[in-house]
Protein backbone atom coordinates (compact mmCIF):
# COMPACT_ATOMS: atom_id res chain seq x y z
CA MET A 1 11.64 22.10 4.72
CA ALA A 2 13.22 24.89 6.65
CA ILE A 3 16.61 22.42 5.68
CA PHE A 4 17.20 24.71 2.58
CA THR A 5 15.77 28.23 3.83
CA ASP A 6 18.97 29.92 4.55
CA PRO A 7 20.79 28.91 2.02
CA MET A 8 17.71 29.86 -0.29
CA THR A 9 17.57 33.31 1.06
CA ARG A 10 21.31 34.16 0.26
CA ARG A 11 20.65 33.93 -3.44
CA ALA A 12 20.96 37.43 -4.31
CA ASP A 13 18.37 36.95 -7.26
CA PHE A 14 15.62 35.39 -5.43
CA GLY A 15 12.68 37.52 -6.11
CA PRO A 16 9.13 37.67 -3.21
CA GLY A 17 7.49 34.91 -3.50
CA ASP A 18 10.52 32.59 -4.45
CA ALA A 19 11.37 30.97 -1.59
CA GLU A 20 7.71 30.13 -0.52
CA TRP A 21 6.65 28.62 -3.72
CA LEU A 22 9.81 26.31 -3.11
CA HIS A 23 8.40 25.50 -0.09
CA LEU A 24 4.81 24.69 -1.75
CA LEU A 25 6.60 22.58 -4.30
CA VAL A 26 8.58 20.48 -0.99
CA GLY A 27 5.06 20.32 0.80
CA ASP A 28 3.08 18.84 -2.35
CA TRP A 29 5.93 16.82 -4.06
CA GLN A 30 5.25 13.40 -3.21
CA LEU A 31 1.93 13.33 -5.14
CA VAL A 32 4.77 13.80 -7.99
CA ALA A 33 7.11 11.14 -6.83
CA ASP A 34 4.47 8.81 -6.43
CA LEU A 35 2.91 9.16 -9.77
CA ALA A 36 6.30 8.92 -11.23
CA PHE A 37 7.46 6.20 -9.12
CA ALA A 38 10.37 8.01 -8.52
CA ASP A 39 12.86 9.60 -5.70
CA LEU A 40 12.93 13.16 -6.33
CA VAL A 41 15.62 14.97 -4.87
CA LEU A 42 16.15 18.96 -4.75
CA TRP A 43 19.50 20.38 -5.86
CA PHE A 44 20.85 23.89 -5.07
CA THR A 45 23.77 25.53 -6.28
CA ASP A 46 26.12 25.91 -3.35
CA GLY A 47 27.89 28.84 -4.92
CA ASP A 48 31.10 27.08 -5.68
CA GLY A 49 30.19 25.42 -8.82
CA GLY A 50 28.27 22.85 -7.54
CA TYR A 51 25.26 21.46 -6.01
CA THR A 52 23.74 20.66 -2.64
CA ALA A 53 20.95 18.26 -2.17
CA VAL A 54 18.69 20.16 -0.06
CA ALA A 55 15.49 18.21 0.27
CA HIS A 56 14.41 14.24 -1.20
CA VAL A 57 11.39 12.33 -1.48
CA ARG A 58 10.93 8.81 -2.24
CA PRO A 59 7.85 7.52 -3.72
CA SER A 60 5.41 4.99 -1.73
CA THR A 61 4.25 3.26 -5.13
CA SER A 62 7.65 1.72 -5.54
CA HIS A 63 10.65 0.77 -3.86
CA THR A 64 13.46 3.94 -3.39
CA VAL A 65 16.88 4.57 -5.22
CA PHE A 66 18.43 6.24 -2.26
CA HIS A 67 18.85 3.71 0.82
CA THR A 68 20.68 6.48 2.59
CA ASP A 69 19.15 9.98 2.75
CA PRO A 70 21.07 12.00 0.23
CA VAL A 71 20.00 15.83 2.28
CA GLY A 72 23.40 17.94 2.45
CA ASP A 73 25.43 15.60 0.47
CA ARG A 74 27.15 17.19 -2.99
CA ILE A 75 25.82 16.22 -6.24
CA PRO A 76 27.93 13.05 -7.52
CA ASP A 77 30.09 14.75 -10.56
CA ASP A 78 28.49 12.46 -13.43
CA LEU A 79 25.20 13.90 -12.33
CA ALA A 80 26.36 17.34 -11.91
CA PRO A 81 26.64 18.09 -15.76
CA LEU A 82 22.65 17.31 -16.25
CA VAL A 83 21.55 18.97 -13.81
CA ALA A 84 23.74 22.27 -14.87
CA ARG A 85 22.16 21.19 -18.50
CA ALA A 86 18.42 21.84 -17.36
CA GLU A 87 19.50 25.16 -15.03
CA VAL A 88 20.59 26.70 -18.07
CA SER A 89 18.47 25.49 -20.76
CA ARG A 90 15.13 25.71 -18.39
CA GLN A 91 13.88 22.37 -19.98
CA ILE A 92 13.94 18.75 -18.46
CA GLU A 93 17.05 16.90 -19.56
CA ARG A 94 16.79 13.28 -19.26
CA SER A 95 20.19 11.10 -19.01
CA SER A 96 21.29 8.84 -21.77
CA ALA A 97 21.31 5.05 -21.31
CA THR A 98 24.94 4.67 -21.56
CA ASP A 99 25.30 7.49 -19.15
CA TRP A 100 22.86 6.23 -16.33
CA ALA A 101 20.86 2.74 -17.09
CA ASP A 102 24.06 0.64 -17.85
CA GLU A 103 26.07 1.86 -14.68
CA HIS A 104 23.23 2.80 -11.95
CA GLY A 105 20.36 0.69 -13.68
CA THR A 106 18.52 4.22 -13.02
CA GLN A 107 17.18 6.47 -15.23
CA VAL A 108 17.42 10.40 -14.41
CA GLU A 109 15.63 13.56 -15.54
CA ALA A 110 16.39 16.47 -14.20
CA VAL A 111 13.86 19.63 -13.86
CA PRO A 112 14.09 23.18 -13.61
CA MET A 113 12.13 24.55 -11.24
CA VAL A 114 11.26 28.00 -12.87
CA ARG A 115 10.03 31.16 -11.54
CA ASN A 116 9.52 34.82 -13.26
CA GLY A 117 12.36 33.61 -15.87
CA ARG A 118 14.92 32.37 -13.38
CA THR A 119 16.11 28.95 -12.40
CA LEU A 120 15.62 28.90 -8.83
CA ALA A 121 16.38 25.18 -7.89
CA VAL A 122 16.84 21.67 -10.41
CA ILE A 123 14.49 18.61 -9.05
CA THR A 124 16.58 15.31 -10.25
CA SER A 125 13.90 12.15 -10.90
CA HIS A 126 15.81 8.95 -10.28
CA LEU A 127 13.43 5.82 -11.52
CA ASP A 128 14.68 2.49 -10.99
CA LEU A 129 15.18 0.67 -14.26
CA SER A 130 16.84 -2.47 -12.68
CA ASN A 131 13.34 -4.19 -12.57
CA ALA A 132 11.93 -3.25 -16.08
CA ARG A 133 8.44 -4.70 -17.14
CA LEU A 134 5.93 -3.94 -20.06
CA PRO A 135 4.24 -0.72 -17.88
CA SER A 136 0.96 -1.11 -17.62
CA ARG A 137 -1.93 1.09 -18.59
CA LEU A 138 -1.89 3.07 -15.29
CA GLU A 139 1.53 3.05 -14.67
CA MET A 140 1.89 4.78 -18.33
CA THR A 141 -1.28 7.24 -17.16
CA TYR A 142 0.94 7.70 -13.54
CA ARG A 143 4.10 8.68 -15.24
CA GLN A 144 2.66 10.90 -18.01
CA CYS A 145 0.85 12.88 -15.32
CA ALA A 146 4.12 12.96 -13.10
CA PHE A 147 5.94 14.81 -16.71
CA ASP A 148 2.78 17.11 -17.00
CA LEU A 149 3.11 18.40 -13.40
CA LEU A 150 6.88 18.51 -13.24
CA ARG A 151 6.50 20.34 -16.86
CA MET A 152 4.26 22.78 -15.03
CA CYS A 153 6.96 23.08 -12.86
CA THR A 154 9.40 24.62 -15.67
CA LEU A 155 6.76 27.11 -16.60
CA GLY A 156 6.14 28.50 -13.08
CA LEU A 157 2.91 27.35 -13.45
CA TRP A 158 2.77 24.49 -10.52
CA PRO A 159 2.78 24.69 -7.55
CA ASP A 160 -0.36 26.94 -7.16
CA PHE A 161 -0.82 29.80 -5.26
CA ALA A 162 -4.65 29.70 -5.34
CA THR A 163 -4.49 25.96 -3.56
CA PRO A 164 -6.56 26.72 -0.63
CA THR A 165 -4.59 25.07 2.71
CA SER A 166 -6.87 23.17 4.58
CA THR A 167 -6.76 21.30 8.14
CA ARG A 168 -9.03 19.03 7.55
CA ARG A 169 -7.97 15.76 7.92
CA GLY A 170 -8.45 12.68 5.03
CA ALA A 171 -6.12 14.56 2.13
CA PRO A 172 -6.50 12.42 -1.00
CA ARG A 173 -3.66 11.26 -2.33
CA VAL A 174 -2.46 8.82 -5.65
CA GLY A 175 -3.06 5.36 -4.16
CA ASP A 176 -6.47 6.71 -2.84
CA GLY A 177 -7.71 6.93 -6.36
CA LEU A 178 -6.43 9.30 -9.49
CA ILE A 179 -8.66 10.74 -12.46
CA ARG A 180 -7.67 12.50 -15.62
CA LEU A 181 -9.99 14.48 -17.23
CA ASP A 182 -9.80 16.09 -20.56
CA VAL A 183 -10.11 20.14 -21.04
CA GLU A 184 -13.90 19.73 -21.44
CA GLY A 185 -13.85 17.50 -18.02
CA THR A 186 -14.45 14.34 -19.36
CA VAL A 187 -12.95 11.43 -18.06
CA GLN A 188 -10.04 9.96 -19.87
CA TYR A 189 -8.41 7.53 -17.14
CA ALA A 190 -9.99 6.14 -13.77
CA SER A 191 -7.78 4.43 -11.41
CA PRO A 192 -9.20 1.12 -10.02
CA ASN A 193 -9.36 3.20 -6.50
CA ALA A 194 -10.77 6.12 -7.67
CA VAL A 195 -14.19 4.09 -9.51
CA SER A 196 -14.24 1.72 -6.34
CA ALA A 197 -14.62 4.91 -4.58
CA PHE A 198 -17.47 6.99 -6.55
CA ARG A 199 -19.28 3.30 -6.48
CA ARG A 200 -19.57 3.40 -3.15
CA LEU A 201 -21.55 6.50 -3.55
CA GLY A 202 -24.15 4.46 -6.06
CA GLU A 203 -24.03 2.32 -8.83
CA VAL A 204 -21.91 3.20 -11.42
CA ASP A 205 -20.44 1.08 -14.47
CA SER A 206 -17.79 3.39 -15.67
CA LEU A 207 -16.07 6.72 -15.03
CA GLU A 208 -14.61 6.62 -18.76
CA GLY A 209 -16.17 8.48 -21.45
CA GLN A 210 -18.55 10.32 -19.02
CA SER A 211 -18.25 13.72 -17.45
CA LEU A 212 -17.36 13.25 -13.93
CA ALA A 213 -19.55 16.49 -13.15
CA ARG A 214 -22.74 15.02 -14.31
CA VAL A 215 -21.92 11.46 -12.90
CA THR A 216 -21.04 13.09 -9.05
CA THR A 217 -24.22 14.90 -9.51
CA SER A 218 -26.50 11.95 -10.37
CA LEU A 219 -25.44 9.86 -7.42
CA LEU A 220 -26.24 12.88 -5.02
CA ARG A 221 -29.73 12.38 -3.20
CA ASP A 222 -29.61 15.50 -1.15
CA GLN A 223 -28.49 18.21 -4.23
CA ARG A 224 -29.41 21.20 -1.98
CA LEU A 225 -26.28 20.50 0.51
CA VAL A 226 -24.10 20.74 -2.81
CA ASP A 227 -20.93 22.63 -1.94
CA GLU A 228 -20.02 25.71 -4.22
CA THR A 229 -16.86 24.59 -5.19
CA LEU A 230 -18.18 21.54 -6.67
CA PRO A 231 -18.47 22.05 -10.13
CA LEU A 232 -15.18 24.06 -10.29
CA VAL A 233 -13.47 21.02 -8.78
CA LEU A 234 -15.04 18.28 -10.98
CA THR A 235 -14.53 20.04 -14.25
CA GLY A 236 -10.98 20.89 -12.94
CA ARG A 237 -11.10 24.41 -13.68
CA MET A 238 -9.53 25.43 -9.80
CA PRO A 239 -7.18 23.74 -7.81
CA TRP A 240 -9.23 23.49 -5.01
CA ARG A 241 -10.51 20.91 -2.36
CA THR A 242 -14.07 19.72 -1.90
CA GLU A 243 -16.22 16.72 -0.29
CA VAL A 244 -19.29 15.14 -1.20
CA GLU A 245 -21.07 12.83 0.75
CA SER A 246 -24.59 10.68 -0.34
CA ARG A 247 -26.03 7.44 1.65
CA GLY A 248 -23.40 7.71 4.56
CA VAL A 249 -20.42 7.80 2.18
CA SER A 250 -18.24 11.09 2.25
CA LEU A 251 -15.64 11.31 -0.79
CA THR A 252 -12.89 14.45 -0.57
CA LEU A 253 -12.01 15.51 -4.03
CA ARG A 254 -9.29 17.61 -4.92
CA ALA A 255 -8.38 19.40 -8.43
CA ILE A 256 -5.39 20.23 -9.89
CA PRO A 257 -5.55 21.78 -12.78
CA LEU A 258 -2.89 20.85 -15.99
CA ARG A 259 -1.80 23.70 -18.03
CA ASP A 260 0.78 24.77 -20.38
CA SER A 261 1.83 28.05 -21.70
CA ASP A 262 -0.80 28.70 -23.44
CA ASP A 263 -4.21 27.33 -21.67
CA ARG A 264 -5.80 24.54 -20.04
CA PHE A 265 -5.33 21.33 -21.48
CA GLY A 266 -6.90 19.19 -18.76
CA ALA A 267 -6.69 18.39 -14.79
CA LEU A 268 -6.00 15.41 -12.50
CA VAL A 269 -8.40 14.76 -10.13
CA LEU A 270 -7.43 12.89 -6.66
CA CYS A 271 -10.06 11.27 -4.64
CA ARG A 272 -10.64 9.50 -1.07
CA ASP A 273 -12.84 7.55 0.51
CA VAL A 274 -12.75 9.17 4.08
CA SER A 275 -16.10 7.80 5.48
CA GLU A 276 -14.94 6.22 8.17
CA LEU A 277 -12.70 9.11 8.76
CA ARG A 278 -16.08 11.55 9.06
CA ARG A 279 -17.65 9.06 11.45
CA ARG A 280 -14.71 9.40 13.87
CA ASP A 281 -15.12 12.96 13.56
CA MET A 282 -18.42 13.06 14.52
CA GLU A 283 -17.83 10.29 17.39
CA LEU A 284 -15.65 12.83 18.95
CA VAL A 285 -17.53 15.72 18.02
CA SER A 286 -20.20 13.66 20.49
CA LYS A 287 -17.94 12.93 23.00
CA ASP A 288 -16.95 16.74 23.78
CA ALA A 289 -20.47 17.42 23.59
CA THR A 290 -21.21 14.47 26.17
CA ILE A 291 -17.95 15.66 28.77
CA ARG A 292 -19.62 19.38 28.57
CA GLU A 293 -23.00 18.00 29.28
CA ILE A 294 -21.34 15.75 32.24
CA HIS A 295 -18.85 18.77 33.61
CA HIS A 296 -22.43 20.97 33.31
CA ARG A 297 -24.32 18.54 35.50
CA VAL A 298 -21.75 18.16 38.19
CA LYS A 299 -21.65 21.55 38.76
CA ASN A 300 -25.18 22.31 38.91
CA ASN A 301 -25.62 18.77 41.26
CA LEU A 302 -22.80 20.98 43.42
CA GLN A 303 -24.35 24.08 43.28
CA THR A 304 -27.15 22.04 44.60
CA VAL A 305 -25.48 20.05 47.20
CA ALA A 306 -24.03 24.01 48.34
CA ALA A 307 -27.80 25.32 48.54
CA LEU A 308 -28.49 22.40 50.71
CA LEU A 309 -25.44 22.90 53.17
CA ARG A 310 -26.10 26.45 53.28
CA MET A 311 -30.25 25.94 54.59
CA GLN A 312 -28.62 23.76 57.59
CA SER A 313 -26.44 25.60 57.89
CA ARG A 314 -28.77 28.67 58.99
CA ARG A 315 -30.85 25.90 61.13
CA MET A 316 -27.64 25.05 63.13
CA LYS A 317 -28.10 26.32 66.71
CA SER A 318 -24.55 25.31 67.27
CA GLU A 319 -22.12 28.01 66.55
CA GLU A 320 -19.17 25.58 66.03
CA GLY A 321 -21.65 23.08 63.52
CA ARG A 322 -23.10 26.54 61.59
CA GLN A 323 -19.06 27.56 60.79
CA GLY A 324 -18.32 23.69 59.74
CA LEU A 325 -21.48 23.21 57.45
CA GLU A 326 -20.27 27.18 55.73
CA GLN A 327 -16.68 25.40 55.60
CA ALA A 328 -18.21 22.93 53.41
CA MET A 329 -20.47 24.92 51.26
CA ARG A 330 -17.19 26.89 50.26
CA ARG A 331 -15.33 23.90 49.75
CA VAL A 332 -18.13 22.27 47.25
CA ALA A 333 -18.61 25.43 45.84
CA THR A 334 -14.83 25.66 44.86
CA ILE A 335 -15.13 22.25 43.11
CA ALA A 336 -17.96 23.45 41.40
CA LEU A 337 -16.42 26.36 39.55
CA VAL A 338 -13.72 24.24 37.95
CA HIS A 339 -16.81 22.22 36.56
CA GLU A 340 -18.46 25.17 35.33
CA THR A 341 -14.83 26.16 33.70
CA LEU A 342 -14.65 22.82 32.20
CA SER A 343 -18.07 22.78 31.05
CA GLN A 344 -17.47 25.89 28.98
CA GLY A 345 -14.92 24.41 26.33
CA LEU A 346 -13.77 21.62 24.11
CA ALA A 347 -10.15 20.80 25.83
CA GLN A 348 -9.47 19.04 29.57
CA ASN A 349 -7.37 22.20 30.64
CA VAL A 350 -8.71 24.83 32.83
CA ASP A 351 -7.46 28.53 32.12
CA PHE A 352 -6.67 28.85 35.90
CA ASP A 353 -5.95 32.44 36.23
CA GLU A 354 -9.82 33.05 35.19
CA LEU A 355 -10.71 30.78 37.46
CA ILE A 356 -8.79 31.39 40.73
CA GLY A 357 -9.08 35.68 40.08
CA ARG A 358 -12.86 35.20 40.89
CA GLN A 359 -12.26 32.52 43.59
CA ILE A 360 -9.44 34.49 45.59
CA ARG A 361 -12.11 37.73 45.98
CA LEU A 362 -14.90 35.57 47.00
CA ALA A 363 -12.83 33.04 49.39
CA ALA A 364 -11.44 36.72 51.17
CA GLU A 365 -15.04 38.11 51.22
CA VAL A 366 -17.10 34.77 52.57
CA ALA A 367 -13.98 34.62 55.20
CA SER A 368 -13.82 38.32 56.47
CA PRO A 369 -17.74 39.97 56.63
CA GLY A 370 -16.74 42.93 58.76
CA GLN A 371 -13.17 43.59 57.39
CA GLU A 372 -11.39 45.16 54.74
CA VAL A 373 -9.27 42.40 53.15
CA ARG A 374 -8.15 43.49 49.85
CA THR A 375 -6.99 40.45 47.43
CA ALA A 376 -3.96 40.62 44.41
CA LEU A 377 -3.13 38.17 41.81
CA VAL A 378 0.53 38.10 40.88
CA GLY A 379 2.23 35.91 37.78
CA ARG A 380 0.57 33.49 35.78
CA PHE A 381 -1.01 29.82 36.72
CA GLY A 382 -1.52 29.30 32.94
CA GLU A 383 -3.53 26.14 31.68
CA LEU A 384 -3.57 23.60 33.90
CA ARG A 385 -4.73 20.06 33.66
CA SER A 386 -8.23 19.45 35.26
CA ASP A 387 -7.00 16.77 37.56
CA LEU A 388 -4.75 19.60 39.01
CA ALA A 389 -6.89 22.38 38.48
CA THR A 390 -9.50 21.11 41.57
CA PRO A 391 -7.24 19.93 44.09
CA LEU A 392 -5.17 23.21 43.63
CA ALA A 393 -8.39 25.69 43.59
CA LEU A 394 -9.06 23.85 47.05
CA VAL A 395 -5.69 24.14 48.18
CA ILE A 396 -6.11 28.24 47.70
CA ASN A 397 -9.36 28.52 48.75
CA GLU A 398 -7.97 26.85 52.05
CA LEU A 399 -4.96 28.99 52.58
CA VAL A 400 -6.65 32.32 51.64
CA THR A 401 -9.66 31.80 54.17
CA ASN A 402 -6.22 30.85 56.81
CA ALA A 403 -4.83 34.00 56.20
CA VAL A 404 -7.63 36.09 56.63
CA GLU A 405 -8.89 34.21 59.77
CA HIS A 406 -5.85 33.50 61.88
CA GLY A 407 -3.61 36.14 59.55
CA LEU A 408 -5.07 38.92 59.19
CA ARG A 409 -7.53 38.08 62.69
CA ASP A 410 -10.22 41.07 62.87
CA SER A 411 -7.72 43.79 61.39
CA SER A 412 -7.96 44.90 57.71
CA GLY A 413 -5.08 44.09 55.50
CA THR A 414 -4.11 42.18 52.36
CA VAL A 415 -3.65 38.92 51.12
CA THR A 416 -1.88 38.25 47.94
CA VAL A 417 -1.32 34.90 45.93
CA SER A 418 1.30 34.64 44.00
CA ALA A 419 2.50 31.94 40.81
CA CYS A 420 5.54 31.34 39.18
CA ARG A 421 5.99 28.81 36.45
CA THR A 422 9.52 27.10 35.57
CA PRO A 423 10.54 27.95 31.24
CA ASP A 424 8.79 25.53 29.17
CA ASP A 425 12.46 24.97 28.09
CA GLU A 426 13.30 23.45 31.56
CA PRO A 427 13.57 19.61 31.45
CA HIS A 428 11.66 19.37 34.98
CA GLN A 429 8.87 22.07 35.14
CA ALA A 430 7.52 23.24 38.17
CA LEU A 431 4.89 25.56 39.47
CA THR A 432 5.41 27.84 43.04
CA LEU A 433 2.46 28.75 44.43
CA THR A 434 2.53 31.44 47.39
CA VAL A 435 0.42 33.15 49.42
CA GLU A 436 1.21 35.68 51.44
CA ASP A 437 -0.87 37.95 54.13
CA ASP A 438 0.55 41.25 56.13
CA GLY A 439 -1.10 40.17 59.23
CA VAL A 440 0.40 39.12 62.82
CA GLY A 441 2.88 36.62 61.53
CA LEU A 442 3.87 32.86 62.96
CA THR A 443 4.50 31.28 65.98
CA GLU A 444 8.14 29.84 65.83
CA ARG A 445 8.54 26.37 67.33
CA PRO A 446 11.19 25.04 69.13
CA ALA A 447 13.51 23.27 67.23
CA ALA A 448 15.75 20.13 67.50
CA PRO A 449 19.33 21.25 68.82
CA GLY A 450 21.71 22.97 66.23
CA GLY A 451 18.98 23.15 64.01
CA SER A 452 16.79 25.75 62.11
CA PRO A 453 13.62 27.55 63.26
CA VAL A 454 10.37 25.88 62.78
CA TYR A 455 7.28 27.56 62.09
CA ALA A 456 3.58 26.29 60.96
CA PRO A 457 0.52 27.67 61.70
CA GLU A 458 -1.25 28.33 64.81
CA HIS A 459 -4.16 26.74 63.60
CA GLU A 460 -4.05 23.19 62.55
CA GLY A 461 -7.70 22.73 61.67
CA LEU A 462 -9.62 20.46 59.36
CA GLY A 463 -8.49 23.13 56.91
CA MET A 464 -4.80 22.40 57.11
CA GLN A 465 -5.22 18.99 57.22
CA ILE A 466 -7.49 18.99 53.74
CA VAL A 467 -4.19 21.24 52.48
CA ARG A 468 -1.40 18.75 53.72
CA THR A 469 -3.78 16.09 52.42
CA LEU A 470 -3.96 17.20 48.80
CA VAL A 471 -0.56 18.95 48.73
CA GLY A 472 0.95 15.46 49.17
CA SER A 473 -1.34 13.34 47.36
CA GLU A 474 -3.13 15.10 44.91
CA LEU A 475 -0.71 17.44 43.65
CA ALA A 476 2.21 15.37 44.87
CA GLY A 477 3.85 18.72 46.07
CA THR A 478 5.46 20.32 49.29
CA ILE A 479 4.23 22.95 51.51
CA GLY A 480 5.83 25.40 54.34
CA TRP A 481 5.22 28.10 56.16
CA GLU A 482 7.96 30.72 56.41
CA PRO A 483 7.60 34.80 58.03
CA ARG A 484 7.09 37.18 55.61
CA PRO A 485 10.21 40.05 55.90
CA ALA A 486 7.97 42.76 56.20
CA GLY A 487 5.86 41.34 58.24
CA GLY A 488 2.59 38.30 57.95
CA THR A 489 3.13 34.98 56.69
CA LEU A 490 4.39 32.98 53.62
CA VAL A 491 3.23 29.92 52.92
CA ARG A 492 4.86 28.23 49.63
CA VAL A 493 4.00 25.46 47.84
CA THR A 494 5.83 23.56 45.56
CA ILE A 495 3.99 21.08 42.67
CA PRO A 496 5.95 19.34 39.58
CA MET A 497 4.61 19.66 36.59
CA ARG A 498 3.98 16.56 33.78
CA ASN A 499 4.82 17.63 30.69
CA ALA A 500 2.06 16.74 27.79
CA ASP A 501 4.48 14.10 26.16
CA ASP A 502 4.15 12.23 29.78
CA ASP A 503 0.27 11.91 29.81
């Protein structure tokens, strides 16, 4: 739809809502193409006395007339007079048989899009006559419905801004089932698919000649759950959507009132059996709830393990053993924190900034019971997948703990964690994490002759082994140590980020 936004908005006589009205039309004109068994092309004046095609839709009920997309093409010379007549007359203009049917095997109608007394654009409907046959009742009814909708376009009555937009899946289409009502809500015609859909709700002999509202109401077992919009949709009085459910069958219904310049004279009701869609929706909801419950239980179990490690550490007589158990307890608690975050949402992504902010403070406090250590978080990690969040949280936990215990040692100081992500429009996404402290700094290791200085942590204990393993295997990243310019140590971790499209 954006393809015709710029040329339209340059029109000086376009008023408020005109462009939005045409956007609504193009968003819903598949319905008209299917009813008319015809291609539809939207033409807009190009300012040079001609017209340019700005949108096109093919019917799903018949084969197309246009085998190449006409969007962006100027109007053919033999079609321009018909479009010009429709623009001026503001009436539907039809090509004569001598002009089009003999040469192209196509019948063309030009329909002006009129709103507030101005012709905004012109639609041409292209019907292939090469396989002409005696039309069935269904085909004649469909074409009449298409004509009525296009006639409403010339009066500015359709599309209707009152039509609500819904994000729920299962919007009915022409092929799913069509019912035509008179002004009283009595069924004048029901397509075979529409009758089949209602028969799934219960025993229905025929819909024609009956009140659609009465038939539907009689099929519903529990009428206490009826949507308040249902009567207005079933009588075709409002352009709304609703849904009915009975005996395990779900039907979604959409009404389109048919109007002329004076009053409403009928309505179209599209219906679709969405039972399978709703069943899958329920399965997804149940699956999401199950996943959240699993994360919750894993979190509880990990917290239990952490509590057992804490109790065991208090019974240890060896200082080294007690410290080892306390470190294991902190690592288990870090993993539990990730699962706690996952258990609170539907997505399998983690808001890592909220999670790690708490974790940094906790890690520093536990590692420095007698020190005054300040923590700072700079930049944003954003949302991360759970398979990245857990190992990254463990890496940060170990690096912060190491910075407090060995970088600051027994003195006060600041530990800063920084995050920088590659902009979304870059082809290769990466996350750079730095952990800095203003402590004693690094010890320079001997380098090869002519080589650069090599820096590494002074204490290569179990924690640093865990960090190297997680960065290299789980995160597929790199890690390096370097002196901090203002004194202290800086650890830099670079992690490639996989795009969502690669999942």
